[in-house]
Amino acid sequence: SGNARPVFAMTGVVLERAALAGKKGNAIKLRLASGSGLRLDGVYFGDAADFAGALGAQLGEDGVFSCCGPADIMFYPEIDDYRGMRKIQLVVSAVRRSRGMGA
């Protein structure tokens, strides 16, 4: 049956951008920055209202979320292979307003 996928957490992550993605708007593409300045792309598969509610964010008519302060995230890393471009992205499984000291 194989090993379970490892899940990681980061606190104090800045959501530089969060926007609906996918033909049905069933994903949220993220641009994340850690407290140390590391920037990564991420994706969240889940309900947009739950995502916004967890962060106190609003979804604009353009599909972009007004982001709030730092967030805590749970994620696993994966290689995103889109149109021949391979890069690391974080698949975010949970998000909340940050209660920590930073990543």
N, C-alpha and C. Protein backbone atom coordinates (compact mmCIF):
# COMPACT_ATOMS: atom_id res chain seq x y z
N SER A 1 0.81 -1.20 0.00
CA SER A 1 0.00 0.00 0.00
C SER A 1 0.85 1.26 0.00
N GLY A 2 2.16 1.17 0.27
CA GLY A 2 3.05 2.33 0.19
C GLY A 2 2.99 3.21 1.42
N ASN A 3 3.88 4.16 1.43
CA ASN A 3 3.96 5.10 2.54
C ASN A 3 2.98 6.25 2.35
N ALA A 4 2.54 6.79 3.45
CA ALA A 4 1.68 7.98 3.40
C ALA A 4 2.51 9.18 2.94
N ARG A 5 1.87 10.09 2.24
CA ARG A 5 2.53 11.32 1.77
C ARG A 5 2.85 12.19 2.98
N PRO A 6 4.07 12.70 3.08
CA PRO A 6 4.39 13.58 4.21
C PRO A 6 3.67 14.92 4.09
N VAL A 7 3.20 15.43 5.21
CA VAL A 7 2.53 16.72 5.24
C VAL A 7 3.36 17.64 6.12
N PHE A 8 3.58 18.85 5.64
CA PHE A 8 4.40 19.84 6.34
C PHE A 8 3.53 21.03 6.74
N ALA A 9 4.07 21.86 7.62
CA ALA A 9 3.38 23.08 8.04
C ALA A 9 4.36 24.24 8.02
N MET A 10 3.85 25.41 7.69
CA MET A 10 4.61 26.66 7.78
C MET A 10 3.71 27.68 8.45
N THR A 11 4.30 28.46 9.33
CA THR A 11 3.55 29.53 9.99
C THR A 11 4.04 30.88 9.50
N GLY A 12 3.18 31.86 9.58
CA GLY A 12 3.57 33.22 9.22
C GLY A 12 3.82 33.42 7.75
N VAL A 13 3.18 32.63 6.90
CA VAL A 13 3.37 32.74 5.46
C VAL A 13 2.56 33.92 4.93
N VAL A 14 3.17 34.72 4.07
CA VAL A 14 2.47 35.84 3.44
C VAL A 14 1.85 35.35 2.14
N LEU A 15 0.54 35.55 1.99
CA LEU A 15 -0.14 35.23 0.74
C LEU A 15 -0.05 36.46 -0.15
N GLU A 16 0.95 36.46 -1.04
CA GLU A 16 1.14 37.60 -1.91
C GLU A 16 0.03 37.71 -2.95
N ARG A 17 -0.49 36.56 -3.36
CA ARG A 17 -1.59 36.53 -4.32
C ARG A 17 -2.37 35.24 -4.15
N ALA A 18 -3.67 35.34 -4.25
CA ALA A 18 -4.55 34.18 -4.23
C ALA A 18 -5.67 34.46 -5.22
N ALA A 19 -5.83 33.57 -6.20
CA ALA A 19 -6.82 33.80 -7.26
C ALA A 19 -7.44 32.49 -7.70
N LEU A 20 -8.72 32.53 -8.04
CA LEU A 20 -9.40 31.35 -8.56
C LEU A 20 -8.73 30.90 -9.85
N ALA A 21 -8.67 29.59 -10.05
CA ALA A 21 -8.05 29.02 -11.24
C ALA A 21 -8.86 27.80 -11.67
N GLY A 22 -8.59 27.32 -12.85
CA GLY A 22 -9.29 26.15 -13.37
C GLY A 22 -10.54 26.56 -14.13
N LYS A 23 -10.95 25.73 -15.04
CA LYS A 23 -12.11 26.03 -15.86
C LYS A 23 -13.37 26.24 -15.04
N LYS A 24 -13.48 25.52 -13.94
CA LYS A 24 -14.67 25.62 -13.09
C LYS A 24 -14.40 26.43 -11.83
N GLY A 25 -13.24 27.05 -11.75
CA GLY A 25 -12.90 27.81 -10.55
C GLY A 25 -12.77 26.93 -9.33
N ASN A 26 -12.32 25.68 -9.55
CA ASN A 26 -12.27 24.70 -8.46
C ASN A 26 -10.89 24.62 -7.80
N ALA A 27 -10.04 25.57 -8.10
CA ALA A 27 -8.72 25.62 -7.47
C ALA A 27 -8.38 27.08 -7.19
N ILE A 28 -7.49 27.28 -6.25
CA ILE A 28 -7.00 28.62 -5.94
C ILE A 28 -5.49 28.60 -6.09
N LYS A 29 -4.98 29.37 -7.04
CA LYS A 29 -3.54 29.48 -7.24
C LYS A 29 -3.00 30.50 -6.25
N LEU A 30 -1.88 30.16 -5.64
CA LEU A 30 -1.29 30.98 -4.58
C LEU A 30 0.13 31.38 -4.92
N ARG A 31 0.50 32.55 -4.49
CA ARG A 31 1.90 32.98 -4.49
C ARG A 31 2.22 33.24 -3.03
N LEU A 32 3.18 32.47 -2.49
CA LEU A 32 3.48 32.46 -1.07
C LEU A 32 4.89 32.99 -0.80
N ALA A 33 5.06 33.64 0.33
CA ALA A 33 6.39 34.08 0.75
C ALA A 33 6.56 33.75 2.23
N SER A 34 7.70 33.16 2.54
CA SER A 34 8.00 32.84 3.94
C SER A 34 8.61 34.07 4.61
N GLY A 35 8.71 34.01 5.91
CA GLY A 35 9.33 35.10 6.66
C GLY A 35 10.79 35.32 6.28
N SER A 36 11.44 34.28 5.75
CA SER A 36 12.84 34.40 5.35
C SER A 36 12.99 34.89 3.91
N GLY A 37 11.84 35.14 3.23
CA GLY A 37 11.90 35.68 1.88
C GLY A 37 11.77 34.65 0.77
N LEU A 38 11.69 33.38 1.12
CA LEU A 38 11.51 32.33 0.11
C LEU A 38 10.13 32.48 -0.52
N ARG A 39 10.07 32.48 -1.87
CA ARG A 39 8.81 32.60 -2.58
C ARG A 39 8.52 31.31 -3.33
N LEU A 40 7.28 30.82 -3.17
CA LEU A 40 6.86 29.59 -3.84
C LEU A 40 5.45 29.74 -4.36
N ASP A 41 5.16 28.99 -5.40
CA ASP A 41 3.79 28.89 -5.89
C ASP A 41 3.09 27.77 -5.14
N GLY A 42 1.79 27.90 -5.03
CA GLY A 42 1.00 26.88 -4.37
C GLY A 42 -0.36 26.78 -5.02
N VAL A 43 -1.07 25.75 -4.63
CA VAL A 43 -2.44 25.56 -5.10
C VAL A 43 -3.25 24.98 -3.95
N TYR A 44 -4.49 25.42 -3.86
CA TYR A 44 -5.43 24.94 -2.86
C TYR A 44 -6.64 24.38 -3.60
N PHE A 45 -6.98 23.13 -3.34
CA PHE A 45 -8.16 22.52 -3.93
C PHE A 45 -9.20 22.42 -2.83
N GLY A 46 -10.21 23.21 -2.92
CA GLY A 46 -11.23 23.20 -1.90
C GLY A 46 -12.22 24.32 -2.15
N ASP A 47 -13.11 24.50 -1.22
CA ASP A 47 -14.16 25.48 -1.35
C ASP A 47 -13.61 26.90 -1.16
N ALA A 48 -13.89 27.77 -2.12
CA ALA A 48 -13.39 29.14 -2.07
C ALA A 48 -13.94 29.89 -0.86
N ALA A 49 -15.19 29.63 -0.50
CA ALA A 49 -15.78 30.30 0.66
C ALA A 49 -15.10 29.86 1.95
N ASP A 50 -14.75 28.59 2.06
CA ASP A 50 -14.03 28.11 3.24
C ASP A 50 -12.65 28.75 3.33
N PHE A 51 -11.98 28.85 2.18
CA PHE A 51 -10.65 29.47 2.11
C PHE A 51 -10.74 30.93 2.58
N ALA A 52 -11.68 31.67 2.02
CA ALA A 52 -11.84 33.08 2.37
C ALA A 52 -12.21 33.23 3.84
N GLY A 53 -13.12 32.39 4.32
CA GLY A 53 -13.54 32.47 5.71
C GLY A 53 -12.42 32.20 6.70
N ALA A 54 -11.55 31.25 6.36
CA ALA A 54 -10.44 30.91 7.25
C ALA A 54 -9.45 32.05 7.39
N LEU A 55 -9.38 32.90 6.36
CA LEU A 55 -8.41 33.99 6.36
C LEU A 55 -9.02 35.37 6.56
N GLY A 56 -10.34 35.45 6.55
CA GLY A 56 -10.99 36.75 6.62
C GLY A 56 -10.79 37.53 5.34
N ALA A 57 -10.70 36.83 4.21
CA ALA A 57 -10.46 37.46 2.91
C ALA A 57 -11.78 37.60 2.15
N GLN A 58 -11.78 38.46 1.16
CA GLN A 58 -12.93 38.65 0.29
C GLN A 58 -12.55 38.27 -1.13
N LEU A 59 -13.49 37.65 -1.85
CA LEU A 59 -13.26 37.29 -3.25
C LEU A 59 -13.81 38.41 -4.12
N GLY A 60 -12.92 39.02 -4.92
CA GLY A 60 -13.34 40.09 -5.80
C GLY A 60 -14.00 39.57 -7.06
N GLU A 61 -14.64 40.46 -7.80
CA GLU A 61 -15.30 40.09 -9.05
C GLU A 61 -14.31 39.56 -10.09
N ASP A 62 -13.05 39.94 -9.95
CA ASP A 62 -12.00 39.48 -10.88
C ASP A 62 -11.45 38.10 -10.51
N GLY A 63 -11.99 37.49 -9.45
CA GLY A 63 -11.52 36.17 -9.03
C GLY A 63 -10.29 36.20 -8.15
N VAL A 64 -9.86 37.38 -7.73
CA VAL A 64 -8.69 37.52 -6.87
C VAL A 64 -9.17 37.81 -5.45
N PHE A 65 -8.56 37.13 -4.50
CA PHE A 65 -8.89 37.33 -3.09
C PHE A 65 -8.13 38.53 -2.54
N SER A 66 -8.83 39.33 -1.73
CA SER A 66 -8.13 40.36 -0.97
C SER A 66 -7.53 39.63 0.22
N CYS A 67 -6.23 39.62 0.30
CA CYS A 67 -5.59 38.82 1.34
C CYS A 67 -5.38 39.62 2.60
N CYS A 68 -5.21 38.91 3.62
CA CYS A 68 -5.10 39.49 4.95
C CYS A 68 -3.65 39.39 5.42
N GLY A 69 -3.47 39.30 6.71
CA GLY A 69 -2.14 39.17 7.28
C GLY A 69 -1.56 37.78 7.07
N PRO A 70 -0.53 37.45 7.80
CA PRO A 70 0.14 36.16 7.66
C PRO A 70 -0.81 34.98 7.90
N ALA A 71 -0.48 33.85 7.30
CA ALA A 71 -1.29 32.64 7.40
C ALA A 71 -0.42 31.47 7.82
N ASP A 72 -1.05 30.48 8.41
CA ASP A 72 -0.42 29.19 8.69
C ASP A 72 -0.99 28.21 7.67
N ILE A 73 -0.13 27.39 7.08
CA ILE A 73 -0.58 26.44 6.07
C ILE A 73 -0.08 25.03 6.37
N MET A 74 -0.85 24.05 5.93
CA MET A 74 -0.42 22.65 5.87
C MET A 74 -0.34 22.31 4.40
N PHE A 75 0.70 21.58 4.01
CA PHE A 75 0.92 21.34 2.58
C PHE A 75 1.79 20.12 2.36
N TYR A 76 1.83 19.68 1.11
CA TYR A 76 2.86 18.75 0.67
C TYR A 76 3.43 19.30 -0.63
N PRO A 77 4.73 19.13 -0.83
CA PRO A 77 5.34 19.63 -2.06
C PRO A 77 5.14 18.65 -3.21
N GLU A 78 5.06 19.18 -4.41
CA GLU A 78 5.01 18.33 -5.60
C GLU A 78 5.68 19.06 -6.75
N ILE A 79 6.01 18.31 -7.78
CA ILE A 79 6.56 18.89 -9.00
C ILE A 79 5.40 19.21 -9.92
N ASP A 80 5.26 20.48 -10.28
CA ASP A 80 4.24 20.91 -11.23
C ASP A 80 4.87 20.89 -12.62
N ASP A 81 4.33 20.07 -13.48
CA ASP A 81 4.85 19.94 -14.84
C ASP A 81 3.78 20.47 -15.79
N TYR A 82 3.84 21.76 -16.07
CA TYR A 82 2.82 22.43 -16.88
C TYR A 82 3.47 22.95 -18.15
N ARG A 83 3.02 22.43 -19.27
CA ARG A 83 3.53 22.85 -20.58
C ARG A 83 5.04 22.76 -20.67
N GLY A 84 5.57 21.69 -20.13
CA GLY A 84 7.01 21.45 -20.21
C GLY A 84 7.84 22.19 -19.19
N MET A 85 7.23 23.01 -18.38
CA MET A 85 7.95 23.74 -17.33
C MET A 85 7.77 22.99 -16.02
N ARG A 86 8.87 22.58 -15.41
CA ARG A 86 8.82 21.84 -14.15
C ARG A 86 9.27 22.75 -13.02
N LYS A 87 8.44 22.82 -11.97
CA LYS A 87 8.80 23.63 -10.80
C LYS A 87 8.12 23.04 -9.58
N ILE A 88 8.65 23.38 -8.44
CA ILE A 88 8.06 22.93 -7.18
C ILE A 88 6.87 23.81 -6.85
N GLN A 89 5.79 23.18 -6.44
CA GLN A 89 4.67 23.94 -5.91
C GLN A 89 4.19 23.25 -4.64
N LEU A 90 3.55 24.02 -3.80
CA LEU A 90 3.00 23.48 -2.56
C LEU A 90 1.51 23.23 -2.77
N VAL A 91 1.06 22.02 -2.47
CA VAL A 91 -0.36 21.70 -2.50
C VAL A 91 -0.87 21.91 -1.08
N VAL A 92 -1.61 22.99 -0.91
CA VAL A 92 -2.06 23.41 0.42
C VAL A 92 -3.35 22.69 0.76
N SER A 93 -3.35 22.00 1.89
CA SER A 93 -4.53 21.24 2.32
C SER A 93 -5.32 21.96 3.41
N ALA A 94 -4.70 22.88 4.12
CA ALA A 94 -5.40 23.62 5.17
C ALA A 94 -4.74 24.98 5.34
N VAL A 95 -5.55 25.96 5.70
CA VAL A 95 -5.06 27.32 5.88
C VAL A 95 -5.85 27.99 7.02
N ARG A 96 -5.17 28.87 7.74
CA ARG A 96 -5.82 29.66 8.78
C ARG A 96 -5.02 30.94 8.99
N ARG A 97 -5.64 31.90 9.66
CA ARG A 97 -4.90 33.10 10.03
C ARG A 97 -3.75 32.70 10.95
N SER A 98 -2.64 33.33 10.77
CA SER A 98 -1.45 32.95 11.53
C SER A 98 -1.59 33.29 13.01
N ARG A 99 -1.11 32.37 13.81
CA ARG A 99 -1.02 32.59 15.25
C ARG A 99 0.41 32.47 15.72
N GLY A 100 1.32 32.21 14.76
CA GLY A 100 2.71 31.93 15.11
C GLY A 100 3.62 33.13 14.95
N MET A 101 4.90 32.85 15.02
CA MET A 101 5.92 33.89 14.97
C MET A 101 6.53 34.07 13.60
N GLY A 102 6.19 33.26 12.59
CA GLY A 102 6.76 33.41 11.27
C GLY A 102 7.46 32.16 10.83
N ALA A 103 7.63 32.04 9.49
CA ALA A 103 8.23 30.83 8.92
C ALA A 103 9.73 30.87 8.98
